[in-house]
Amino acid sequence: MTIRRATAEDAALLCDLAERTFVETFGHLYPPEDLAAYLATAYPLELQRQQLQSGDYAAWLLEVQGEAVGFAFAGPCGLPHPQATAADGELKRLYVLRDHQGGGRGGQLFEAALQWLQTPGRTLWIGVWSENFGAQRFYARHGFEQVGGYEFPVGNTRDKEFILRRAAV
């Protein structure tokens, strides 16, 4: 198992992995037309490439025997909270394919993203599905507290999301 920083050349791989992990994790929750509508616009290749080139965003790939099986993606905070600013950092996505979960792999991806995000005086944010109790417990162990919520659109479905924050260090 290795974790490496993704480059702009990994944009297509990252988009594909983001779609695969989203469908595997949440796909069963949505009517097929809502899931299809979401996936049609959720992971645009050129945007992913631009973000990785910008230096404002970063991604890490978890690879097992040369195959990407998980990732973390972070950048400026874009969550709808009145105290959030673009200068704050946000863990935007953290997923590992089901067959490769366990053994602390997600935690290692989280640590890689956290090291990059964490700078003195920077508040960190995470949006998490209200019914993803395992993720909520994990983030709470790392000092994140629920400070708000919003609706996350997947087609015509609206998921209740929690906004978590960890104060600047």
C-alpha atoms as a PDB file:
ATOM      1  CA  MET A   1       0.000   0.000   0.000  1.00  0.00           C
ATOM      2  CA  THR A   2       1.257   3.464  -0.863  1.00  0.00           C
ATOM      3  CA  ILE A   3      -0.168   6.956  -0.569  1.00  0.00           C
ATOM      4  CA  ARG A   4       1.037   9.515  -3.060  1.00  0.00           C
ATOM      5  CA  ARG A   5       0.136  13.072  -3.947  1.00  0.00           C
ATOM      6  CA  ALA A   6      -1.934  13.198  -7.118  1.00  0.00           C
ATOM      7  CA  THR A   7      -0.795  15.319 -10.047  1.00  0.00           C
ATOM      8  CA  ALA A   8      -2.764  16.974 -12.839  1.00  0.00           C
ATOM      9  CA  GLU A   9      -1.997  13.868 -14.923  1.00  0.00           C
ATOM     10  CA  ASP A  10      -4.058  11.874 -12.398  1.00  0.00           C
ATOM     11  CA  ALA A  11      -7.196  13.973 -12.962  1.00  0.00           C
ATOM     12  CA  ALA A  12      -9.057  11.334 -15.010  1.00  0.00           C
ATOM     13  CA  LEU A  13      -8.130   8.605 -12.537  1.00  0.00           C
ATOM     14  CA  LEU A  14      -9.286  10.777  -9.651  1.00  0.00           C
ATOM     15  CA  CYS A  15     -12.619  11.592 -11.344  1.00  0.00           C
ATOM     16  CA  ASP A  16     -13.228   7.916 -12.085  1.00  0.00           C
ATOM     17  CA  LEU A  17     -12.377   6.883  -8.526  1.00  0.00           C
ATOM     18  CA  ALA A  18     -14.583   9.644  -7.089  1.00  0.00           C
ATOM     19  CA  GLU A  19     -17.533   8.414  -9.140  1.00  0.00           C
ATOM     20  CA  ARG A  20     -16.906   4.752  -8.308  1.00  0.00           C
ATOM     21  CA  THR A  21     -16.610   5.355  -4.581  1.00  0.00           C
ATOM     22  CA  PHE A  22     -19.650   7.653  -4.477  1.00  0.00           C
ATOM     23  CA  VAL A  23     -21.800   5.072  -6.278  1.00  0.00           C
ATOM     24  CA  GLU A  24     -20.487   2.237  -4.113  1.00  0.00           C
ATOM     25  CA  THR A  25     -21.041   4.184  -0.882  1.00  0.00           C
ATOM     26  CA  PHE A  26     -24.244   6.109  -1.590  1.00  0.00           C
ATOM     27  CA  GLY A  27     -25.676   4.980  -4.931  1.00  0.00           C
ATOM     28  CA  HIS A  28     -28.322   2.754  -3.342  1.00  0.00           C
ATOM     29  CA  LEU A  29     -29.891   5.781  -1.617  1.00  0.00           C
ATOM     30  CA  TYR A  30     -31.089   7.538  -4.783  1.00  0.00           C
ATOM     31  CA  PRO A  31     -33.538   6.959  -7.580  1.00  0.00           C
ATOM     32  CA  PRO A  32     -31.530   6.065 -10.720  1.00  0.00           C
ATOM     33  CA  GLU A  33     -32.442   9.331 -12.460  1.00  0.00           C
ATOM     34  CA  ASP A  34     -31.206  11.421  -9.492  1.00  0.00           C
ATOM     35  CA  LEU A  35     -27.949   9.490  -9.295  1.00  0.00           C
ATOM     36  CA  ALA A  36     -27.412   9.827 -13.059  1.00  0.00           C
ATOM     37  CA  ALA A  37     -28.115  13.572 -12.946  1.00  0.00           C
ATOM     38  CA  TYR A  38     -25.627  14.052 -10.119  1.00  0.00           C
ATOM     39  CA  LEU A  39     -22.884  11.982 -11.749  1.00  0.00           C
ATOM     40  CA  ALA A  40     -23.298  13.827 -15.051  1.00  0.00           C
ATOM     41  CA  THR A  41     -21.913  17.014 -13.458  1.00  0.00           C
ATOM     42  CA  ALA A  42     -20.230  16.051 -10.169  1.00  0.00           C
ATOM     43  CA  TYR A  43     -16.691  15.266 -11.318  1.00  0.00           C
ATOM     44  CA  PRO A  44     -15.753  17.309 -14.405  1.00  0.00           C
ATOM     45  CA  LEU A  45     -12.353  16.273 -15.702  1.00  0.00           C
ATOM     46  CA  GLU A  46     -11.107  19.707 -16.770  1.00  0.00           C
ATOM     47  CA  LEU A  47     -12.082  21.268 -13.419  1.00  0.00           C
ATOM     48  CA  GLN A  48     -10.255  18.489 -11.569  1.00  0.00           C
ATOM     49  CA  ARG A  49      -7.176  19.041 -13.713  1.00  0.00           C
ATOM     50  CA  GLN A  50      -7.282  22.819 -13.139  1.00  0.00           C
ATOM     51  CA  GLN A  51      -7.701  22.383  -9.390  1.00  0.00           C
ATOM     52  CA  LEU A  52      -4.723  20.070  -9.148  1.00  0.00           C
ATOM     53  CA  GLN A  53      -2.599  22.448 -11.232  1.00  0.00           C
ATOM     54  CA  SER A  54      -3.600  25.501  -9.187  1.00  0.00           C
ATOM     55  CA  GLY A  55      -1.823  24.557  -5.991  1.00  0.00           C
ATOM     56  CA  ASP A  56      -4.904  25.669  -4.035  1.00  0.00           C
ATOM     57  CA  TYR A  57      -6.239  22.099  -4.039  1.00  0.00           C
ATOM     58  CA  ALA A  58      -4.527  18.782  -3.424  1.00  0.00           C
ATOM     59  CA  ALA A  59      -5.390  15.111  -3.649  1.00  0.00           C
ATOM     60  CA  TRP A  60      -3.768  11.926  -2.431  1.00  0.00           C
ATOM     61  CA  LEU A  61      -4.212   8.490  -3.939  1.00  0.00           C
ATOM     62  CA  LEU A  62      -4.168   5.262  -1.972  1.00  0.00           C
ATOM     63  CA  GLU A  63      -2.716   2.528  -4.168  1.00  0.00           C
ATOM     64  CA  VAL A  64      -2.586  -1.195  -3.563  1.00  0.00           C
ATOM     65  CA  GLN A  65      -0.360  -3.111  -5.975  1.00  0.00           C
ATOM     66  CA  GLY A  66      -0.418  -0.145  -8.344  1.00  0.00           C
ATOM     67  CA  GLU A  67      -4.211   0.204  -8.369  1.00  0.00           C
ATOM     68  CA  ALA A  68      -5.880   3.331  -6.976  1.00  0.00           C
ATOM     69  CA  VAL A  69      -8.406   2.215  -4.370  1.00  0.00           C
ATOM     70  CA  GLY A  70      -8.977   5.389  -2.344  1.00  0.00           C
ATOM     71  CA  PHE A  71      -8.357   9.100  -2.252  1.00  0.00           C
ATOM     72  CA  ALA A  72      -8.575  12.291  -0.256  1.00  0.00           C
ATOM     73  CA  PHE A  73      -9.242  15.685  -1.816  1.00  0.00           C
ATOM     74  CA  ALA A  74      -8.810  19.041  -0.055  1.00  0.00           C
ATOM     75  CA  GLY A  75      -8.823  22.744  -0.802  1.00  0.00           C
ATOM     76  CA  PRO A  76     -10.293  26.105   0.133  1.00  0.00           C
ATOM     77  CA  CYS A  77     -13.495  25.921   2.161  1.00  0.00           C
ATOM     78  CA  GLY A  78     -16.631  26.188   0.089  1.00  0.00           C
ATOM     79  CA  LEU A  79     -19.190  25.120   2.690  1.00  0.00           C
ATOM     80  CA  PRO A  80     -22.251  27.332   3.233  1.00  0.00           C
ATOM     81  CA  HIS A  81     -21.523  28.524   6.754  1.00  0.00           C
ATOM     82  CA  PRO A  82     -21.418  32.224   7.731  1.00  0.00           C
ATOM     83  CA  GLN A  83     -18.059  31.843   9.485  1.00  0.00           C
ATOM     84  CA  ALA A  84     -16.364  29.856   6.697  1.00  0.00           C
ATOM     85  CA  THR A  85     -13.979  31.698   4.401  1.00  0.00           C
ATOM     86  CA  ALA A  86     -12.031  30.683   1.316  1.00  0.00           C
ATOM     87  CA  ALA A  87      -8.860  31.111   3.403  1.00  0.00           C
ATOM     88  CA  ASP A  88     -10.043  28.223   5.595  1.00  0.00           C
ATOM     89  CA  GLY A  89      -9.307  24.653   4.547  1.00  0.00           C
ATOM     90  CA  GLU A  90     -11.798  21.924   3.739  1.00  0.00           C
ATOM     91  CA  LEU A  91     -11.473  18.169   3.439  1.00  0.00           C
ATOM     92  CA  LYS A  92     -13.826  17.817   0.490  1.00  0.00           C
ATOM     93  CA  ARG A  93     -13.734  14.065  -0.075  1.00  0.00           C
ATOM     94  CA  LEU A  94     -12.278  11.002   1.606  1.00  0.00           C
ATOM     95  CA  TYR A  95     -13.216   7.612   0.174  1.00  0.00           C
ATOM     96  CA  VAL A  96     -11.799   4.104   0.038  1.00  0.00           C
ATOM     97  CA  LEU A  97     -13.360   1.337  -2.045  1.00  0.00           C
ATOM     98  CA  ARG A  98     -15.228  -1.107   0.188  1.00  0.00           C
ATOM     99  CA  ASP A  99     -12.925  -4.078  -0.508  1.00  0.00           C
ATOM    100  CA  HIS A 100      -9.937  -2.050   0.697  1.00  0.00           C
ATOM    101  CA  GLN A 101     -11.403  -0.489   3.835  1.00  0.00           C
ATOM    102  CA  GLY A 102      -9.964  -1.282   7.223  1.00  0.00           C
ATOM    103  CA  GLY A 103      -6.461  -1.398   8.551  1.00  0.00           C
ATOM    104  CA  GLY A 104      -6.312   2.368   9.013  1.00  0.00           C
ATOM    105  CA  ARG A 105      -6.106   3.187   5.301  1.00  0.00           C
ATOM    106  CA  GLY A 106      -8.719   5.945   5.462  1.00  0.00           C
ATOM    107  CA  GLY A 107      -6.996   7.346   8.519  1.00  0.00           C
ATOM    108  CA  GLN A 108      -3.697   7.504   6.666  1.00  0.00           C
ATOM    109  CA  LEU A 109      -5.326   9.379   3.776  1.00  0.00           C
ATOM    110  CA  PHE A 110      -6.917  11.721   6.304  1.00  0.00           C
ATOM    111  CA  GLU A 111      -3.539  12.396   7.920  1.00  0.00           C
ATOM    112  CA  ALA A 112      -1.947  13.198   4.560  1.00  0.00           C
ATOM    113  CA  ALA A 113      -4.693  15.726   3.791  1.00  0.00           C
ATOM    114  CA  LEU A 114      -4.585  17.150   7.312  1.00  0.00           C
ATOM    115  CA  GLN A 115      -0.837  17.755   7.143  1.00  0.00           C
ATOM    116  CA  TRP A 116      -1.334  19.724   3.937  1.00  0.00           C
ATOM    117  CA  LEU A 117      -4.398  21.642   5.172  1.00  0.00           C
ATOM    118  CA  GLN A 118      -3.121  22.476   8.631  1.00  0.00           C
ATOM    119  CA  THR A 119      -1.298  25.760   8.893  1.00  0.00           C
ATOM    120  CA  PRO A 120      -1.154  28.067  11.915  1.00  0.00           C
ATOM    121  CA  GLY A 121      -4.338  30.100  12.226  1.00  0.00           C
ATOM    122  CA  ARG A 122      -6.285  28.106   9.623  1.00  0.00           C
ATOM    123  CA  THR A 123      -9.723  26.765  10.540  1.00  0.00           C
ATOM    124  CA  LEU A 124     -10.572  23.382   9.027  1.00  0.00           C
ATOM    125  CA  TRP A 125     -13.996  22.286   7.781  1.00  0.00           C
ATOM    126  CA  ILE A 126     -15.683  19.072   6.652  1.00  0.00           C
ATOM    127  CA  GLY A 127     -19.155  18.380   5.287  1.00  0.00           C
ATOM    128  CA  VAL A 128     -20.510  14.937   6.194  1.00  0.00           C
ATOM    129  CA  TRP A 129     -23.807  13.156   5.516  1.00  0.00           C
ATOM    130  CA  SER A 130     -26.044  13.319   8.576  1.00  0.00           C
ATOM    131  CA  GLU A 131     -26.445   9.524   8.614  1.00  0.00           C
ATOM    132  CA  ASN A 132     -22.757   8.651   8.205  1.00  0.00           C
ATOM    133  CA  PHE A 133     -22.266   8.002  11.896  1.00  0.00           C
ATOM    134  CA  GLY A 134     -18.913   6.263  11.518  1.00  0.00           C
ATOM    135  CA  ALA A 135     -17.406   9.264   9.722  1.00  0.00           C
ATOM    136  CA  GLN A 136     -18.877  11.625  12.306  1.00  0.00           C
ATOM    137  CA  ARG A 137     -17.267   9.646  15.143  1.00  0.00           C
ATOM    138  CA  PHE A 138     -13.949   9.536  13.268  1.00  0.00           C
ATOM    139  CA  TYR A 139     -13.896  13.297  12.706  1.00  0.00           C
ATOM    140  CA  ALA A 140     -14.966  13.975  16.315  1.00  0.00           C
ATOM    141  CA  ARG A 141     -11.928  11.986  17.502  1.00  0.00           C
ATOM    142  CA  HIS A 142      -9.828  14.435  15.491  1.00  0.00           C
ATOM    143  CA  GLY A 143     -11.342  17.511  17.118  1.00  0.00           C
ATOM    144  CA  PHE A 144     -14.107  18.390  14.636  1.00  0.00           C
ATOM    145  CA  GLU A 145     -17.428  19.619  16.027  1.00  0.00           C
ATOM    146  CA  GLN A 146     -20.777  20.027  14.324  1.00  0.00           C
ATOM    147  CA  VAL A 147     -21.518  23.726  13.779  1.00  0.00           C
ATOM    148  CA  GLY A 148     -24.218  23.726  11.112  1.00  0.00           C
ATOM    149  CA  GLY A 149     -25.904  21.958   8.274  1.00  0.00           C
ATOM    150  CA  TYR A 150     -27.095  22.278   4.713  1.00  0.00           C
ATOM    151  CA  GLU A 151     -28.803  20.347   1.951  1.00  0.00           C
ATOM    152  CA  PHE A 152     -26.629  18.487  -0.550  1.00  0.00           C
ATOM    153  CA  PRO A 153     -28.388  17.999  -3.904  1.00  0.00           C
ATOM    154  CA  VAL A 154     -28.201  14.671  -5.703  1.00  0.00           C
ATOM    155  CA  GLY A 155     -30.532  15.198  -8.634  1.00  0.00           C
ATOM    156  CA  ASN A 156     -33.883  16.078  -7.089  1.00  0.00           C
ATOM    157  CA  THR A 157     -32.966  14.436  -3.783  1.00  0.00           C
ATOM    158  CA  ARG A 158     -31.696  16.669  -0.988  1.00  0.00           C
ATOM    159  CA  ASP A 159     -29.490  15.048   1.636  1.00  0.00           C
ATOM    160  CA  LYS A 160     -29.106  16.535   5.075  1.00  0.00           C
ATOM    161  CA  GLU A 161     -25.405  17.256   5.605  1.00  0.00           C
ATOM    162  CA  PHE A 162     -23.634  18.360   8.746  1.00  0.00           C
ATOM    163  CA  ILE A 163     -20.917  21.007   8.721  1.00  0.00           C
ATOM    164  CA  LEU A 164     -18.016  20.174  11.010  1.00  0.00           C
ATOM    165  CA  ARG A 165     -15.297  22.564  12.073  1.00  0.00           C
ATOM    166  CA  ARG A 166     -12.001  22.351  13.906  1.00  0.00           C
ATOM    167  CA  ALA A 167     -10.693  25.598  15.276  1.00  0.00           C
ATOM    168  CA  ALA A 168      -7.380  26.964  14.106  1.00  0.00           C
ATOM    169  CA  VAL A 169      -4.281  25.851  15.976  1.00  0.00           C
END
